[in-house]
Each structure stands twice: as C-alpha cells, then as structure tokens.
Amino acid sequence: AGLDSLQALVSQQAAAIQALQADMASLTALKADVAAKETRISQLETQLAEIRTPVVFCAHTNGGTFKGGEIVHLYSIVSQTPSNMYDSALGIVTIPASGAYLAYVRTDPHGNVNDAVVLQMRVNNVVKMTSYGEHGTTGGGAITLQLTKGDRIWLNVRGAT
C-alpha cells in the first residue's frame, strides 16, 4: 500500500512538472512576443517623432550676377529646421524625413540685373520645376513632392544669354 501511494505521488509530481514545463515554454514564447512588440513600438515612436517634427527650409540670396553657364545656387541667408539639412558648401538640402513636401521657388531679378535668370529645382538630379525671371518681372512656382529621407534637392541657376 505504501509503494502504491508513493508511485501515485511520483506520477502526480511528474504530471505537475510537465505542466510547469509547458507553462515555462509558453512564458518564453510570450517574452519573445513582448520583446518583438516593444521593438515595433519603439520603431513606430521614432517614425511618429519624425512625422511630428516640422521640416522647414527657407532661403534666399541677396544679389549676384549669373551670366551664361550653369551653377548650383548657394544661398546667403538660410533658416532651417532641423538645423543640419543644408550643406552650404554644396548648396544641397538633404531631406530629413520621408513625406510630402511643398516646394516654392521665386525668381525675382532686380537692381542692376539686366539679364534673365533661370532656376531649375532638381531632386536627385532630376529637374522637377523651372522658374524664369528677368529684370522687372518675376517668375516662380510651387510643387508638391513625395520625397524619401536622404533625397537631395538643389537649385541650378544660369543666366539666360
């Protein structure tokens, strides 16, 4: 009788151990699932922060003569958010976050400028918009662009001779 009750107790304990092992396997799987979801939440929070951060780039140049040829336009006055978008040595704006952007260009030759000026907005070296102006007239335009983080935008300027 004592051996039978001991065997019954061992069987119960073995069943309890199997149930605990199954619970441990479930907990391990749940931990992995929680870790994956925490990683995804972190990624989404980063994306949301990028979306919530306004991107502003406003620049202009005072003066300058453009005769013949074609150069990348360098701005003399720049206001930007975030503050590292514009490479002043190259005249290139690097897009900090993917999304839709509104770009506006105005060509306003004035002062002693007698020649026409042509501006071409380029995204990754593809012309997206052209603006033409000459002394006494202004030209310009706006365009909505779907841009990807890392895209590069610049204006080529040339004097129309």
N, C-alpha and C. Protein backbone atom coordinates (compact mmCIF):
# COMPACT_ATOMS: atom_id res chain seq x y z
N ALA A 1 0.83 -1.20 0.00
CA ALA A 1 0.00 0.00 0.00
C ALA A 1 0.86 1.25 0.00
N GLY A 2 1.96 1.20 0.77
CA GLY A 2 2.86 2.36 0.84
C GLY A 2 3.55 2.62 -0.49
N LEU A 3 3.90 1.55 -1.20
CA LEU A 3 4.57 1.69 -2.50
C LEU A 3 3.60 2.24 -3.53
N ASP A 4 2.37 1.79 -3.48
CA ASP A 4 1.35 2.29 -4.43
C ASP A 4 1.11 3.78 -4.24
N SER A 5 1.02 4.19 -2.97
CA SER A 5 0.78 5.62 -2.72
C SER A 5 1.99 6.45 -3.12
N LEU A 6 3.19 5.90 -2.97
CA LEU A 6 4.41 6.60 -3.39
C LEU A 6 4.46 6.71 -4.91
N GLN A 7 4.07 5.65 -5.63
CA GLN A 7 4.04 5.68 -7.09
C GLN A 7 2.99 6.69 -7.58
N ALA A 8 1.86 6.76 -6.90
CA ALA A 8 0.81 7.73 -7.26
C ALA A 8 1.33 9.15 -7.05
N LEU A 9 2.06 9.37 -5.96
CA LEU A 9 2.62 10.70 -5.68
C LEU A 9 3.65 11.08 -6.73
N VAL A 10 4.50 10.13 -7.14
CA VAL A 10 5.51 10.38 -8.17
C VAL A 10 4.82 10.70 -9.50
N SER A 11 3.76 9.99 -9.82
CA SER A 11 3.02 10.25 -11.06
C SER A 11 2.41 11.65 -11.03
N GLN A 12 1.86 12.03 -9.87
CA GLN A 12 1.29 13.38 -9.75
C GLN A 12 2.37 14.45 -9.92
N GLN A 13 3.51 14.20 -9.28
CA GLN A 13 4.62 15.17 -9.37
C GLN A 13 5.15 15.26 -10.81
N ALA A 14 5.23 14.12 -11.49
CA ALA A 14 5.68 14.11 -12.90
C ALA A 14 4.71 14.90 -13.77
N ALA A 15 3.42 14.74 -13.53
CA ALA A 15 2.41 15.49 -14.29
C ALA A 15 2.52 16.98 -13.98
N ALA A 16 2.75 17.33 -12.71
CA ALA A 16 2.90 18.73 -12.33
C ALA A 16 4.14 19.33 -12.98
N ILE A 17 5.24 18.56 -13.04
CA ILE A 17 6.47 19.03 -13.68
C ILE A 17 6.23 19.27 -15.17
N GLN A 18 5.53 18.37 -15.84
CA GLN A 18 5.21 18.54 -17.27
C GLN A 18 4.36 19.79 -17.49
N ALA A 19 3.41 20.01 -16.60
CA ALA A 19 2.55 21.19 -16.72
C ALA A 19 3.39 22.46 -16.53
N LEU A 20 4.32 22.43 -15.56
CA LEU A 20 5.20 23.59 -15.34
C LEU A 20 6.12 23.82 -16.54
N GLN A 21 6.63 22.76 -17.13
CA GLN A 21 7.49 22.89 -18.32
C GLN A 21 6.71 23.50 -19.48
N ALA A 22 5.46 23.08 -19.63
CA ALA A 22 4.61 23.65 -20.69
C ALA A 22 4.36 25.14 -20.41
N ASP A 23 4.12 25.48 -19.14
CA ASP A 23 3.93 26.88 -18.76
C ASP A 23 5.19 27.69 -19.03
N MET A 24 6.34 27.13 -18.73
CA MET A 24 7.62 27.82 -18.98
C MET A 24 7.82 28.07 -20.48
N ALA A 25 7.49 27.07 -21.30
CA ALA A 25 7.61 27.24 -22.75
C ALA A 25 6.67 28.35 -23.22
N SER A 26 5.46 28.39 -22.66
CA SER A 26 4.50 29.45 -23.03
C SER A 26 5.02 30.82 -22.60
N LEU A 27 5.59 30.88 -21.39
CA LEU A 27 6.15 32.15 -20.91
C LEU A 27 7.32 32.61 -21.77
N THR A 28 8.17 31.69 -22.17
CA THR A 28 9.30 32.03 -23.03
C THR A 28 8.80 32.59 -24.37
N ALA A 29 7.79 31.95 -24.94
CA ALA A 29 7.21 32.43 -26.19
C ALA A 29 6.58 33.81 -25.99
N LEU A 30 5.89 34.01 -24.87
CA LEU A 30 5.28 35.31 -24.58
C LEU A 30 6.33 36.39 -24.40
N LYS A 31 7.44 36.06 -23.74
CA LYS A 31 8.53 37.03 -23.57
C LYS A 31 9.08 37.45 -24.92
N ALA A 32 9.28 36.49 -25.82
CA ALA A 32 9.79 36.81 -27.16
C ALA A 32 8.79 37.69 -27.91
N ASP A 33 7.50 37.38 -27.77
CA ASP A 33 6.45 38.17 -28.42
C ASP A 33 6.43 39.59 -27.87
N VAL A 34 6.54 39.73 -26.56
CA VAL A 34 6.55 41.06 -25.93
C VAL A 34 7.78 41.84 -26.39
N ALA A 35 8.94 41.20 -26.45
CA ALA A 35 10.16 41.87 -26.90
C ALA A 35 10.01 42.36 -28.34
N ALA A 36 9.43 41.53 -29.20
CA ALA A 36 9.22 41.93 -30.59
C ALA A 36 8.26 43.11 -30.68
N LYS A 37 7.21 43.10 -29.87
CA LYS A 37 6.24 44.20 -29.87
C LYS A 37 6.85 45.47 -29.30
N GLU A 38 7.70 45.35 -28.30
CA GLU A 38 8.38 46.53 -27.75
C GLU A 38 9.30 47.15 -28.80
N THR A 39 9.99 46.32 -29.57
CA THR A 39 10.85 46.81 -30.64
C THR A 39 10.02 47.55 -31.69
N ARG A 40 8.88 46.97 -32.07
CA ARG A 40 8.00 47.60 -33.06
C ARG A 40 7.44 48.93 -32.53
N ILE A 41 7.08 48.96 -31.25
CA ILE A 41 6.58 50.20 -30.65
C ILE A 41 7.66 51.27 -30.70
N SER A 42 8.88 50.90 -30.40
CA SER A 42 9.99 51.85 -30.44
C SER A 42 10.19 52.40 -31.86
N GLN A 43 10.10 51.51 -32.86
CA GLN A 43 10.23 51.95 -34.25
C GLN A 43 9.10 52.91 -34.63
N LEU A 44 7.88 52.59 -34.22
CA LEU A 44 6.74 53.46 -34.52
C LEU A 44 6.85 54.80 -33.81
N GLU A 45 7.36 54.80 -32.58
CA GLU A 45 7.55 56.06 -31.86
C GLU A 45 8.57 56.94 -32.58
N THR A 46 9.63 56.32 -33.10
CA THR A 46 10.64 57.07 -33.86
C THR A 46 10.02 57.66 -35.12
N GLN A 47 9.24 56.87 -35.85
CA GLN A 47 8.57 57.36 -37.05
C GLN A 47 7.60 58.48 -36.72
N LEU A 48 6.86 58.33 -35.63
CA LEU A 48 5.91 59.35 -35.21
C LEU A 48 6.62 60.65 -34.85
N ALA A 49 7.75 60.54 -34.19
CA ALA A 49 8.53 61.73 -33.84
C ALA A 49 8.98 62.45 -35.10
N GLU A 50 9.39 61.69 -36.14
CA GLU A 50 9.79 62.30 -37.41
C GLU A 50 8.61 63.01 -38.06
N ILE A 51 7.45 62.39 -38.01
CA ILE A 51 6.26 62.98 -38.63
C ILE A 51 5.87 64.25 -37.90
N ARG A 52 5.96 64.24 -36.58
CA ARG A 52 5.56 65.39 -35.78
C ARG A 52 6.56 66.53 -35.86
N THR A 53 7.79 66.26 -36.26
CA THR A 53 8.80 67.30 -36.35
C THR A 53 8.61 68.05 -37.66
N PRO A 54 8.27 69.33 -37.58
CA PRO A 54 8.09 70.07 -38.83
C PRO A 54 9.43 70.26 -39.53
N VAL A 55 9.38 70.20 -40.84
CA VAL A 55 10.57 70.43 -41.64
C VAL A 55 10.37 71.75 -42.37
N VAL A 56 11.27 72.67 -42.10
CA VAL A 56 11.15 74.00 -42.71
C VAL A 56 12.50 74.37 -43.30
N PHE A 57 12.49 74.81 -44.53
CA PHE A 57 13.70 75.33 -45.16
C PHE A 57 13.31 76.56 -45.94
N CYS A 58 13.87 77.67 -45.57
CA CYS A 58 13.59 78.93 -46.24
C CYS A 58 14.93 79.60 -46.50
N ALA A 59 15.17 80.00 -47.72
CA ALA A 59 16.47 80.59 -48.04
C ALA A 59 16.32 81.60 -49.17
N HIS A 60 17.22 82.56 -49.18
CA HIS A 60 17.28 83.48 -50.30
C HIS A 60 18.69 84.05 -50.41
N THR A 61 18.90 84.70 -51.52
CA THR A 61 20.20 85.28 -51.81
C THR A 61 19.99 86.74 -52.14
N ASN A 62 20.83 87.56 -51.60
CA ASN A 62 20.82 88.98 -51.95
C ASN A 62 21.86 89.22 -53.02
N GLY A 63 21.39 89.58 -54.19
CA GLY A 63 22.31 89.94 -55.25
C GLY A 63 22.93 88.75 -55.95
N GLY A 64 23.83 89.06 -56.84
CA GLY A 64 24.52 88.03 -57.60
C GLY A 64 24.29 88.24 -59.08
N THR A 65 25.28 87.92 -59.87
CA THR A 65 25.18 88.03 -61.32
C THR A 65 25.43 86.66 -61.91
N PHE A 66 24.57 86.24 -62.80
CA PHE A 66 24.68 84.93 -63.42
C PHE A 66 24.70 85.13 -64.92
N LYS A 67 25.85 84.95 -65.54
CA LYS A 67 25.97 85.13 -66.98
C LYS A 67 26.44 83.82 -67.58
N GLY A 68 25.59 83.27 -68.46
CA GLY A 68 25.96 82.04 -69.13
C GLY A 68 26.23 80.92 -68.14
N GLY A 69 26.58 79.76 -68.66
CA GLY A 69 26.93 78.64 -67.79
C GLY A 69 25.80 78.25 -66.86
N GLU A 70 26.10 77.31 -66.00
CA GLU A 70 25.11 76.84 -65.03
C GLU A 70 25.84 76.43 -63.78
N ILE A 71 25.35 76.89 -62.63
CA ILE A 71 25.97 76.57 -61.36
C ILE A 71 24.91 76.11 -60.37
N VAL A 72 25.34 75.42 -59.32
CA VAL A 72 24.44 75.11 -58.21
C VAL A 72 24.30 76.39 -57.40
N HIS A 73 23.08 76.77 -57.11
CA HIS A 73 22.81 78.01 -56.39
C HIS A 73 23.17 77.87 -54.92
N LEU A 74 23.95 78.80 -54.40
CA LEU A 74 24.31 78.82 -52.98
C LEU A 74 23.55 79.96 -52.32
N TYR A 75 22.91 79.67 -51.21
CA TYR A 75 22.12 80.68 -50.50
C TYR A 75 22.98 81.45 -49.51
N SER A 76 22.69 82.73 -49.37
CA SER A 76 23.43 83.53 -48.40
C SER A 76 22.69 83.61 -47.06
N ILE A 77 21.37 83.44 -47.08
CA ILE A 77 20.58 83.52 -45.85
C ILE A 77 19.70 82.26 -45.78
N VAL A 78 19.85 81.50 -44.70
CA VAL A 78 19.14 80.22 -44.57
C VAL A 78 18.49 80.13 -43.19
N SER A 79 17.23 79.69 -43.18
CA SER A 79 16.53 79.34 -41.94
C SER A 79 16.02 77.92 -42.14
N GLN A 80 16.35 77.01 -41.21
CA GLN A 80 16.02 75.60 -41.43
C GLN A 80 15.73 74.87 -40.12
N THR A 81 14.84 73.91 -40.19
CA THR A 81 14.53 73.01 -39.09
C THR A 81 14.33 71.63 -39.71
N PRO A 82 15.11 70.62 -39.37
CA PRO A 82 16.22 70.64 -38.44
C PRO A 82 17.40 71.44 -38.99
N SER A 83 18.34 71.74 -38.13
CA SER A 83 19.39 72.71 -38.47
C SER A 83 20.50 72.17 -39.35
N ASN A 84 20.51 70.90 -39.68
CA ASN A 84 21.62 70.35 -40.47
C ASN A 84 21.18 69.88 -41.86
N MET A 85 20.07 70.39 -42.36
CA MET A 85 19.57 69.95 -43.67
C MET A 85 20.39 70.50 -44.84
N TYR A 86 20.90 71.71 -44.70
CA TYR A 86 21.51 72.42 -45.82
C TYR A 86 23.02 72.37 -45.73
N ASP A 87 23.65 71.91 -46.81
CA ASP A 87 25.10 71.92 -46.93
C ASP A 87 25.47 73.20 -47.68
N SER A 88 25.95 74.18 -46.94
CA SER A 88 26.21 75.49 -47.54
C SER A 88 27.39 75.47 -48.53
N ALA A 89 28.26 74.50 -48.41
CA ALA A 89 29.38 74.40 -49.36
C ALA A 89 28.93 73.86 -50.71
N LEU A 90 27.95 72.96 -50.69
CA LEU A 90 27.48 72.34 -51.93
C LEU A 90 26.17 72.92 -52.44
N GLY A 91 25.43 73.62 -51.56
CA GLY A 91 24.13 74.17 -51.96
C GLY A 91 23.05 73.10 -52.03
N ILE A 92 23.18 72.05 -51.25
CA ILE A 92 22.25 70.91 -51.33
C ILE A 92 21.50 70.76 -50.01
N VAL A 93 20.18 70.56 -50.12
CA VAL A 93 19.33 70.25 -48.97
C VAL A 93 19.11 68.74 -48.98
N THR A 94 19.38 68.08 -47.86
CA THR A 94 19.13 66.65 -47.72
C THR A 94 17.87 66.47 -46.88
N ILE A 95 16.90 65.75 -47.43
CA ILE A 95 15.60 65.58 -46.80
C ILE A 95 15.75 64.73 -45.53
N PRO A 96 15.28 65.24 -44.36
CA PRO A 96 15.48 64.52 -43.11
C PRO A 96 14.44 63.45 -42.81
N ALA A 97 13.28 63.50 -43.46
CA ALA A 97 12.22 62.52 -43.17
C ALA A 97 11.37 62.33 -44.42
N SER A 98 10.94 61.12 -44.67
CA SER A 98 10.08 60.83 -45.81
C SER A 98 8.72 61.49 -45.63
N GLY A 99 8.14 61.93 -46.75
CA GLY A 99 6.81 62.52 -46.68
C GLY A 99 6.56 63.43 -47.86
N ALA A 100 5.44 64.13 -47.80
CA ALA A 100 5.07 65.08 -48.85
C ALA A 100 5.62 66.45 -48.47
N TYR A 101 6.22 67.12 -49.44
CA TYR A 101 6.82 68.43 -49.22
C TYR A 101 6.26 69.41 -50.25
N LEU A 102 6.08 70.64 -49.82
CA LEU A 102 5.69 71.72 -50.71
C LEU A 102 6.93 72.56 -50.97
N ALA A 103 7.28 72.69 -52.22
CA ALA A 103 8.44 73.49 -52.60
C ALA A 103 7.97 74.69 -53.41
N TYR A 104 8.51 75.84 -53.08
CA TYR A 104 8.16 77.08 -53.77
C TYR A 104 9.44 77.77 -54.20
N VAL A 105 9.48 78.21 -55.43
CA VAL A 105 10.64 78.91 -55.97
C VAL A 105 10.15 80.22 -56.57
N ARG A 106 10.89 81.28 -56.30
CA ARG A 106 10.56 82.58 -56.90
C ARG A 106 11.83 83.18 -57.48
N THR A 107 11.74 83.60 -58.70
CA THR A 107 12.84 84.25 -59.38
C THR A 107 12.49 85.72 -59.48
N ASP A 108 13.30 86.57 -58.87
CA ASP A 108 12.99 87.99 -58.81
C ASP A 108 14.24 88.82 -59.10
N PRO A 109 14.67 88.87 -60.37
CA PRO A 109 15.83 89.69 -60.70
C PRO A 109 15.47 91.16 -60.46
N HIS A 110 16.37 91.87 -59.84
CA HIS A 110 16.11 93.29 -59.57
C HIS A 110 17.43 94.05 -59.53
N GLY A 111 17.34 95.32 -59.24
CA GLY A 111 18.55 96.13 -59.16
C GLY A 111 19.13 96.35 -60.54
N ASN A 112 20.43 96.10 -60.65
CA ASN A 112 21.13 96.33 -61.92
C ASN A 112 21.17 95.10 -62.81
N VAL A 113 20.35 94.11 -62.49
CA VAL A 113 20.35 92.88 -63.29
C VAL A 113 19.58 93.13 -64.58
N ASN A 114 20.25 92.98 -65.70
CA ASN A 114 19.60 93.17 -66.99
C ASN A 114 19.35 91.85 -67.70
N ASP A 115 20.01 90.81 -67.23
CA ASP A 115 19.89 89.52 -67.88
C ASP A 115 18.77 88.69 -67.25
N ALA A 116 18.25 87.79 -68.01
CA ALA A 116 17.26 86.85 -67.48
C ALA A 116 17.96 85.80 -66.63
N VAL A 117 17.22 85.26 -65.68
CA VAL A 117 17.75 84.23 -64.79
C VAL A 117 16.81 83.03 -64.85
N VAL A 118 17.39 81.84 -64.95
CA VAL A 118 16.61 80.60 -64.95
C VAL A 118 17.03 79.77 -63.75
N LEU A 119 16.04 79.34 -62.96
CA LEU A 119 16.29 78.44 -61.84
C LEU A 119 15.65 77.10 -62.14
N GLN A 120 16.38 76.04 -61.90
CA GLN A 120 15.83 74.69 -62.04
C GLN A 120 15.93 73.97 -60.70
N MET A 121 14.78 73.54 -60.17
CA MET A 121 14.80 72.75 -58.95
C MET A 121 15.05 71.30 -59.34
N ARG A 122 16.05 70.72 -58.71
CA ARG A 122 16.40 69.34 -59.01
C ARG A 122 16.29 68.48 -57.75
N VAL A 123 15.72 67.29 -57.93
CA VAL A 123 15.66 66.29 -56.87
C VAL A 123 16.46 65.10 -57.37
N ASN A 124 17.56 64.80 -56.69
CA ASN A 124 18.43 63.69 -57.11
C ASN A 124 18.77 63.80 -58.59
N ASN A 125 19.05 65.02 -59.03
CA ASN A 125 19.47 65.39 -60.39
C ASN A 125 18.38 65.27 -61.44
N VAL A 126 17.13 65.19 -61.04
CA VAL A 126 16.01 65.20 -61.99
C VAL A 126 15.32 66.55 -61.85
N VAL A 127 15.17 67.28 -62.97
CA VAL A 127 14.52 68.59 -62.92
C VAL A 127 13.05 68.41 -62.60
N LYS A 128 12.59 69.07 -61.53
CA LYS A 128 11.19 68.98 -61.10
C LYS A 128 10.42 70.25 -61.39
N MET A 129 11.11 71.39 -61.49
CA MET A 129 10.44 72.65 -61.74
C MET A 129 11.45 73.66 -62.28
N THR A 130 10.98 74.54 -63.16
CA THR A 130 11.82 75.60 -63.72
C THR A 130 11.14 76.93 -63.50
N SER A 131 11.92 77.93 -63.09
CA SER A 131 11.42 79.28 -62.88
C SER A 131 12.27 80.24 -63.70
N TYR A 132 11.61 81.18 -64.37
CA TYR A 132 12.29 82.11 -65.26
C TYR A 132 11.91 83.54 -64.88
N GLY A 133 12.89 84.40 -64.77
CA GLY A 133 12.60 85.80 -64.49
C GLY A 133 13.64 86.69 -65.14
N GLU A 134 13.25 87.92 -65.43
CA GLU A 134 14.19 88.89 -65.96
C GLU A 134 13.91 90.23 -65.32
N HIS A 135 14.80 91.18 -65.51
CA HIS A 135 14.68 92.48 -64.86
C HIS A 135 13.28 93.05 -65.05
N GLY A 136 12.64 93.38 -63.93
CA GLY A 136 11.31 93.96 -63.99
C GLY A 136 10.19 92.96 -63.94
N THR A 137 10.48 91.67 -64.04
CA THR A 137 9.44 90.65 -63.95
C THR A 137 9.88 89.57 -62.97
N THR A 138 8.93 88.88 -62.44
CA THR A 138 9.26 87.77 -61.55
C THR A 138 8.67 86.48 -62.11
N GLY A 139 9.28 85.42 -61.75
CA GLY A 139 8.77 84.11 -62.12
C GLY A 139 8.75 83.25 -60.88
N GLY A 140 8.03 82.16 -60.94
CA GLY A 140 8.02 81.28 -59.78
C GLY A 140 7.03 80.15 -59.96
N GLY A 141 6.95 79.35 -58.96
CA GLY A 141 6.02 78.25 -58.99
C GLY A 141 6.14 77.43 -57.72
N ALA A 142 5.15 76.60 -57.52
CA ALA A 142 5.14 75.70 -56.37
C ALA A 142 4.85 74.30 -56.86
N ILE A 143 5.36 73.33 -56.13
CA ILE A 143 5.17 71.93 -56.50
C ILE A 143 5.13 71.10 -55.21
N THR A 144 4.29 70.10 -55.20
CA THR A 144 4.26 69.14 -54.10
C THR A 144 5.07 67.93 -54.52
N LEU A 145 5.99 67.54 -53.67
CA LEU A 145 6.89 66.44 -53.97
C LEU A 145 6.76 65.36 -52.90
N GLN A 146 6.68 64.11 -53.32
CA GLN A 146 6.74 62.98 -52.38
C GLN A 146 8.21 62.60 -52.29
N LEU A 147 8.83 62.88 -51.16
CA LEU A 147 10.26 62.68 -51.02
C LEU A 147 10.56 61.61 -49.98
N THR A 148 11.74 61.03 -50.13
CA THR A 148 12.20 59.98 -49.22
C THR A 148 13.37 60.52 -48.42
N LYS A 149 13.44 60.11 -47.17
CA LYS A 149 14.56 60.52 -46.33
C LYS A 149 15.87 60.28 -47.08
N GLY A 150 16.71 61.29 -47.12
CA GLY A 150 18.00 61.18 -47.82
C GLY A 150 17.99 61.76 -49.22
N ASP A 151 16.80 62.04 -49.79
CA ASP A 151 16.76 62.70 -51.10
C ASP A 151 17.50 64.03 -51.02
N ARG A 152 18.08 64.42 -52.15
CA ARG A 152 18.86 65.67 -52.20
C ARG A 152 18.20 66.63 -53.18
N ILE A 153 18.03 67.88 -52.73
CA ILE A 153 17.39 68.91 -53.55
C ILE A 153 18.35 70.09 -53.68
N TRP A 154 18.39 70.66 -54.87
CA TRP A 154 19.16 71.87 -55.07
C TRP A 154 18.59 72.64 -56.24
N LEU A 155 19.02 73.89 -56.36
CA LEU A 155 18.63 74.73 -57.48
C LEU A 155 19.84 74.97 -58.35
N ASN A 156 19.68 74.74 -59.63
CA ASN A 156 20.69 75.16 -60.59
C ASN A 156 20.26 76.54 -61.09
N VAL A 157 21.21 77.42 -61.24
CA VAL A 157 20.89 78.76 -61.74
C VAL A 157 21.80 79.03 -62.94
N ARG A 158 21.20 79.69 -63.92
CA ARG A 158 22.01 80.11 -65.07
C ARG A 158 21.44 81.39 -65.61
N GLY A 159 22.31 82.19 -66.13
CA GLY A 159 21.88 83.40 -66.80
C GLY A 159 21.44 83.02 -68.21
N ALA A 160 20.30 83.51 -68.61
CA ALA A 160 19.82 83.24 -69.97
C ALA A 160 20.45 84.27 -70.89
N THR A 161 21.37 83.82 -71.71
CA THR A 161 22.07 84.77 -72.59
C THR A 161 21.69 84.53 -74.04
